[in-house]
């Protein structure tokens, strides 16, 4: 989770500034997806069976 957050921050900081290619904004979208999936998974009731990702 920490790695996804760091990569998202780097992508959003440097892609709009032109220091890295704009295609890294697609990577930022993927990182947001991973973080959302992780948050959704960890917010479920811990007593219910957890599906494997």
PDB file of N, CA and C in Angstrom:
ATOM      1  N   UNK A   1       0.828  -1.173   0.000  1.00  0.00           N
ATOM      2  CA  UNK A   1       0.000   0.000   0.000  1.00  0.00           C
ATOM      3  C   UNK A   1       0.876   1.242   0.000  1.00  0.00           C
ATOM      4  N   UNK A   2       1.939   1.204   0.746  1.00  0.00           N
ATOM      5  CA  UNK A   2       2.842   2.353   0.792  1.00  0.00           C
ATOM      6  C   UNK A   2       3.497   2.584  -0.568  1.00  0.00           C
ATOM      7  N   UNK A   3       3.874   1.512  -1.245  1.00  0.00           N
ATOM      8  CA  UNK A   3       4.492   1.648  -2.557  1.00  0.00           C
ATOM      9  C   UNK A   3       3.523   2.262  -3.556  1.00  0.00           C
ATOM     10  N   UNK A   4       2.276   1.810  -3.543  1.00  0.00           N
ATOM     11  CA  UNK A   4       1.270   2.376  -4.450  1.00  0.00           C
ATOM     12  C   UNK A   4       1.074   3.860  -4.171  1.00  0.00           C
ATOM     13  N   UNK A   5       1.090   4.245  -2.915  1.00  0.00           N
ATOM     14  CA  UNK A   5       0.918   5.654  -2.553  1.00  0.00           C
ATOM     15  C   UNK A   5       2.098   6.495  -3.032  1.00  0.00           C
ATOM     16  N   UNK A   6       3.299   5.985  -2.859  1.00  0.00           N
ATOM     17  CA  UNK A   6       4.482   6.721  -3.301  1.00  0.00           C
ATOM     18  C   UNK A   6       4.497   6.868  -4.823  1.00  0.00           C
ATOM     19  N   UNK A   7       4.217   5.779  -5.534  1.00  0.00           N
ATOM     20  CA  UNK A   7       4.204   5.844  -6.995  1.00  0.00           C
ATOM     21  C   UNK A   7       3.110   6.780  -7.497  1.00  0.00           C
ATOM     22  N   UNK A   8       1.956   6.767  -6.853  1.00  0.00           N
ATOM     23  CA  UNK A   8       0.881   7.680  -7.225  1.00  0.00           C
ATOM     24  C   UNK A   8       1.317   9.127  -7.035  1.00  0.00           C
ATOM     25  N   UNK A   9       1.956   9.398  -5.923  1.00  0.00           N
ATOM     26  CA  UNK A   9       2.427  10.757  -5.645  1.00  0.00           C
ATOM     27  C   UNK A   9       3.440  11.215  -6.687  1.00  0.00           C
ATOM     28  N   UNK A  10       4.384  10.359  -7.015  1.00  0.00           N
ATOM     29  CA  UNK A  10       5.398  10.700  -8.019  1.00  0.00           C
ATOM     30  C   UNK A  10       4.744  10.955  -9.373  1.00  0.00           C
ATOM     31  N   UNK A  11       3.830  10.063  -9.764  1.00  0.00           N
ATOM     32  CA  UNK A  11       3.159  10.225 -11.055  1.00  0.00           C
ATOM     33  C   UNK A  11       2.392  11.537 -11.117  1.00  0.00           C
ATOM     34  N   UNK A  12       1.663  11.860 -10.060  1.00  0.00           N
ATOM     35  CA  UNK A  12       0.851  13.078 -10.069  1.00  0.00           C
ATOM     36  C   UNK A  12       1.674  14.343  -9.906  1.00  0.00           C
ATOM     37  N   UNK A  13       2.849  14.223  -9.350  1.00  0.00           N
ATOM     38  CA  UNK A  13       3.709  15.395  -9.161  1.00  0.00           C
ATOM     39  C   UNK A  13       4.488  15.742 -10.429  1.00  0.00           C
ATOM     40  N   UNK A  14       5.075  14.725 -11.064  1.00  0.00           N
ATOM     41  CA  UNK A  14       6.006  14.975 -12.150  1.00  0.00           C
ATOM     42  C   UNK A  14       5.420  14.884 -13.558  1.00  0.00           C
ATOM     43  N   UNK A  15       4.353  14.115 -13.768  1.00  0.00           N
ATOM     44  CA  UNK A  15       3.765  14.026 -15.117  1.00  0.00           C
ATOM     45  C   UNK A  15       3.160  15.352 -15.565  1.00  0.00           C
ATOM     46  N   UNK A  16       2.348  16.016 -14.747  1.00  0.00           N
ATOM     47  CA  UNK A  16       1.806  17.298 -15.204  1.00  0.00           C
ATOM     48  C   UNK A  16       2.891  18.367 -15.415  1.00  0.00           C
ATOM     49  N   UNK A  17       3.986  18.274 -14.675  1.00  0.00           N
ATOM     50  CA  UNK A  17       5.073  19.246 -14.803  1.00  0.00           C
ATOM     51  C   UNK A  17       5.946  18.986 -16.031  1.00  0.00           C
ATOM     52  N   UNK A  18       5.745  17.821 -16.686  1.00  0.00           N
ATOM     53  CA  UNK A  18       6.511  17.509 -17.882  1.00  0.00           C
ATOM     54  C   UNK A  18       7.853  16.854 -17.618  1.00  0.00           C
ATOM     55  N   UNK A  19       8.131  16.486 -16.384  1.00  0.00           N
ATOM     56  CA  UNK A  19       9.419  15.846 -16.076  1.00  0.00           C
ATOM     57  C   UNK A  19       9.433  14.375 -16.440  1.00  0.00           C
ATOM     58  N   UNK A  20       8.265  13.747 -16.466  1.00  0.00           N
ATOM     59  CA  UNK A  20       8.118  12.374 -16.942  1.00  0.00           C
ATOM     60  C   UNK A  20       6.968  12.379 -17.956  1.00  0.00           C
ATOM     61  N   UNK A  21       6.896  11.369 -18.835  1.00  0.00           N
ATOM     62  CA  UNK A  21       5.846  11.359 -19.864  1.00  0.00           C
ATOM     63  C   UNK A  21       4.433  11.366 -19.269  1.00  0.00           C
ATOM     64  N   UNK A  22       3.522  11.966 -20.006  1.00  0.00           N
ATOM     65  CA  UNK A  22       2.123  12.050 -19.564  1.00  0.00           C
ATOM     66  C   UNK A  22       1.480  10.672 -19.427  1.00  0.00           C
ATOM     67  N   UNK A  23       2.044   9.657 -20.067  1.00  0.00           N
ATOM     68  CA  UNK A  23       1.473   8.315 -19.954  1.00  0.00           C
ATOM     69  C   UNK A  23       1.518   7.797 -18.527  1.00  0.00           C
ATOM     70  N   UNK A  24       2.353   8.395 -17.692  1.00  0.00           N
ATOM     71  CA  UNK A  24       2.398   7.991 -16.296  1.00  0.00           C
ATOM     72  C   UNK A  24       1.121   8.358 -15.557  1.00  0.00           C
ATOM     73  N   UNK A  25       0.301   9.226 -16.145  1.00  0.00           N
ATOM     74  CA  UNK A  25      -1.005   9.508 -15.547  1.00  0.00           C
ATOM     75  C   UNK A  25      -1.913   8.282 -15.639  1.00  0.00           C
ATOM     76  N   UNK A  26      -1.696   7.441 -16.654  1.00  0.00           N
ATOM     77  CA  UNK A  26      -2.423   6.169 -16.723  1.00  0.00           C
ATOM     78  C   UNK A  26      -1.996   5.255 -15.579  1.00  0.00           C
ATOM     79  N   UNK A  27      -0.721   5.274 -15.265  1.00  0.00           N
ATOM     80  CA  UNK A  27      -0.224   4.499 -14.136  1.00  0.00           C
ATOM     81  C   UNK A  27      -0.832   5.031 -12.829  1.00  0.00           C
ATOM     82  N   UNK A  28      -0.991   6.340 -12.736  1.00  0.00           N
ATOM     83  CA  UNK A  28      -1.610   6.926 -11.543  1.00  0.00           C
ATOM     84  C   UNK A  28      -3.036   6.417 -11.388  1.00  0.00           C
ATOM     85  N   UNK A  29      -3.753   6.302 -12.495  1.00  0.00           N
ATOM     86  CA  UNK A  29      -5.120   5.779 -12.433  1.00  0.00           C
ATOM     87  C   UNK A  29      -5.124   4.329 -11.938  1.00  0.00           C
ATOM     88  N   UNK A  30      -4.152   3.542 -12.397  1.00  0.00           N
ATOM     89  CA  UNK A  30      -4.050   2.155 -11.939  1.00  0.00           C
ATOM     90  C   UNK A  30      -3.737   2.099 -10.446  1.00  0.00           C
ATOM     91  N   UNK A  31      -2.859   2.963  -9.975  1.00  0.00           N
ATOM     92  CA  UNK A  31      -2.517   3.001  -8.549  1.00  0.00           C
ATOM     93  C   UNK A  31      -3.736   3.380  -7.704  1.00  0.00           C
ATOM     94  N   UNK A  32      -4.538   4.318  -8.205  1.00  0.00           N
ATOM     95  CA  UNK A  32      -5.767   4.683  -7.494  1.00  0.00           C
ATOM     96  C   UNK A  32      -6.687   3.465  -7.404  1.00  0.00           C
ATOM     97  N   UNK A  33      -6.759   2.691  -8.477  1.00  0.00           N
ATOM     98  CA  UNK A  33      -7.566   1.468  -8.462  1.00  0.00           C
ATOM     99  C   UNK A  33      -7.086   0.471  -7.436  1.00  0.00           C
ATOM    100  N   UNK A  34      -5.768   0.269  -7.364  1.00  0.00           N
ATOM    101  CA  UNK A  34      -5.207  -0.654  -6.369  1.00  0.00           C
ATOM    102  C   UNK A  34      -5.504  -0.180  -4.954  1.00  0.00           C
ATOM    103  N   UNK A  35      -5.334   1.118  -4.717  1.00  0.00           N
ATOM    104  CA  UNK A  35      -5.594   1.640  -3.376  1.00  0.00           C
ATOM    105  C   UNK A  35      -7.072   1.534  -3.015  1.00  0.00           C
ATOM    106  N   UNK A  36      -7.950   1.774  -3.972  1.00  0.00           N
ATOM    107  CA  UNK A  36      -9.390   1.647  -3.711  1.00  0.00           C
ATOM    108  C   UNK A  36      -9.761   0.196  -3.420  1.00  0.00           C
ATOM    109  N   UNK A  37      -9.200  -0.740  -4.187  1.00  0.00           N
ATOM    110  CA  UNK A  37      -9.478  -2.158  -3.944  1.00  0.00           C
ATOM    111  C   UNK A  37      -8.962  -2.576  -2.570  1.00  0.00           C
ATOM    112  N   UNK A  38      -7.797  -2.117  -2.208  1.00  0.00           N
ATOM    113  CA  UNK A  38      -7.215  -2.440  -0.903  1.00  0.00           C
ATOM    114  C   UNK A  38      -8.087  -1.874   0.221  1.00  0.00           C
ATOM    115  N   UNK A  39      -8.519  -0.637   0.073  1.00  0.00           N
ATOM    116  CA  UNK A  39      -9.355  -0.007   1.096  1.00  0.00           C
ATOM    117  C   UNK A  39     -10.689  -0.737   1.230  1.00  0.00           C
ATOM    118  N   UNK A  40     -11.275  -1.106   0.091  1.00  0.00           N
ATOM    119  CA  UNK A  40     -12.551  -1.825   0.129  1.00  0.00           C
ATOM    120  C   UNK A  40     -12.378  -3.182   0.804  1.00  0.00           C
ATOM    121  N   UNK A  41     -11.288  -3.855   0.504  1.00  0.00           N
ATOM    122  CA  UNK A  41     -11.025  -5.177   1.078  1.00  0.00           C
ATOM    123  C   UNK A  41     -10.827  -5.091   2.588  1.00  0.00           C
ATOM    124  N   UNK A  42     -10.085  -4.115   3.045  1.00  0.00           N
ATOM    125  CA  UNK A  42      -9.783  -4.022   4.478  1.00  0.00           C
ATOM    126  C   UNK A  42     -10.935  -3.447   5.280  1.00  0.00           C
ATOM    127  N   UNK A  43     -11.916  -2.823   4.620  1.00  0.00           N
ATOM    128  CA  UNK A  43     -13.030  -2.248   5.361  1.00  0.00           C
ATOM    129  C   UNK A  43     -14.175  -3.235   5.559  1.00  0.00           C
ATOM    130  N   UNK A  44     -14.083  -4.415   4.985  1.00  0.00           N
ATOM    131  CA  UNK A  44     -15.133  -5.423   5.142  1.00  0.00           C
ATOM    132  C   UNK A  44     -15.101  -5.999   6.553  1.00  0.00           C
ATOM    133  N   UNK A  45     -16.195  -6.601   6.919  1.00  0.00           N
ATOM    134  CA  UNK A  45     -16.308  -7.234   8.231  1.00  0.00           C
ATOM    135  C   UNK A  45     -15.241  -8.324   8.359  1.00  0.00           C
ATOM    136  N   UNK A  46     -14.380  -8.237   9.363  1.00  0.00           N
ATOM    137  CA  UNK A  46     -13.280  -9.214   9.479  1.00  0.00           C
ATOM    138  C   UNK A  46     -13.766 -10.633   9.768  1.00  0.00           C
ATOM    139  N   UNK A  47     -15.008 -10.800  10.206  1.00  0.00           N
ATOM    140  CA  UNK A  47     -15.517 -12.149  10.506  1.00  0.00           C
ATOM    141  C   UNK A  47     -16.021 -12.848   9.254  1.00  0.00           C
ATOM    142  N   UNK A  48     -16.263 -12.092   8.177  1.00  0.00           N
ATOM    143  CA  UNK A  48     -16.758 -12.726   6.953  1.00  0.00           C
ATOM    144  C   UNK A  48     -15.588 -13.311   6.177  1.00  0.00           C
ATOM    145  N   UNK A  49     -15.856 -14.357   5.393  1.00  0.00           N
ATOM    146  CA  UNK A  49     -14.761 -14.937   4.576  1.00  0.00           C
ATOM    147  C   UNK A  49     -14.220 -13.922   3.597  1.00  0.00           C
ATOM    148  N   UNK A  50     -12.928 -13.881   3.463  1.00  0.00           N
ATOM    149  CA  UNK A  50     -12.258 -12.912   2.594  1.00  0.00           C
ATOM    150  C   UNK A  50     -11.869 -13.579   1.295  1.00  0.00           C
ATOM    151  N   UNK A  51     -12.288 -13.005   0.140  1.00  0.00           N
ATOM    152  CA  UNK A  51     -11.846 -13.572  -1.137  1.00  0.00           C
ATOM    153  C   UNK A  51     -10.374 -13.258  -1.369  1.00  0.00           C
ATOM    154  N   UNK A  52      -9.715 -14.140  -2.074  1.00  0.00           N
ATOM    155  CA  UNK A  52      -8.299 -13.926  -2.404  1.00  0.00           C
ATOM    156  C   UNK A  52      -8.201 -12.989  -3.586  1.00  0.00           C
ATOM    157  N   UNK A  53      -7.254 -12.041  -3.522  1.00  0.00           N
ATOM    158  CA  UNK A  53      -7.009 -11.141  -4.655  1.00  0.00           C
ATOM    159  C   UNK A  53      -5.914 -11.677  -5.519  1.00  0.00           C
TER     160      UNK A  53
END
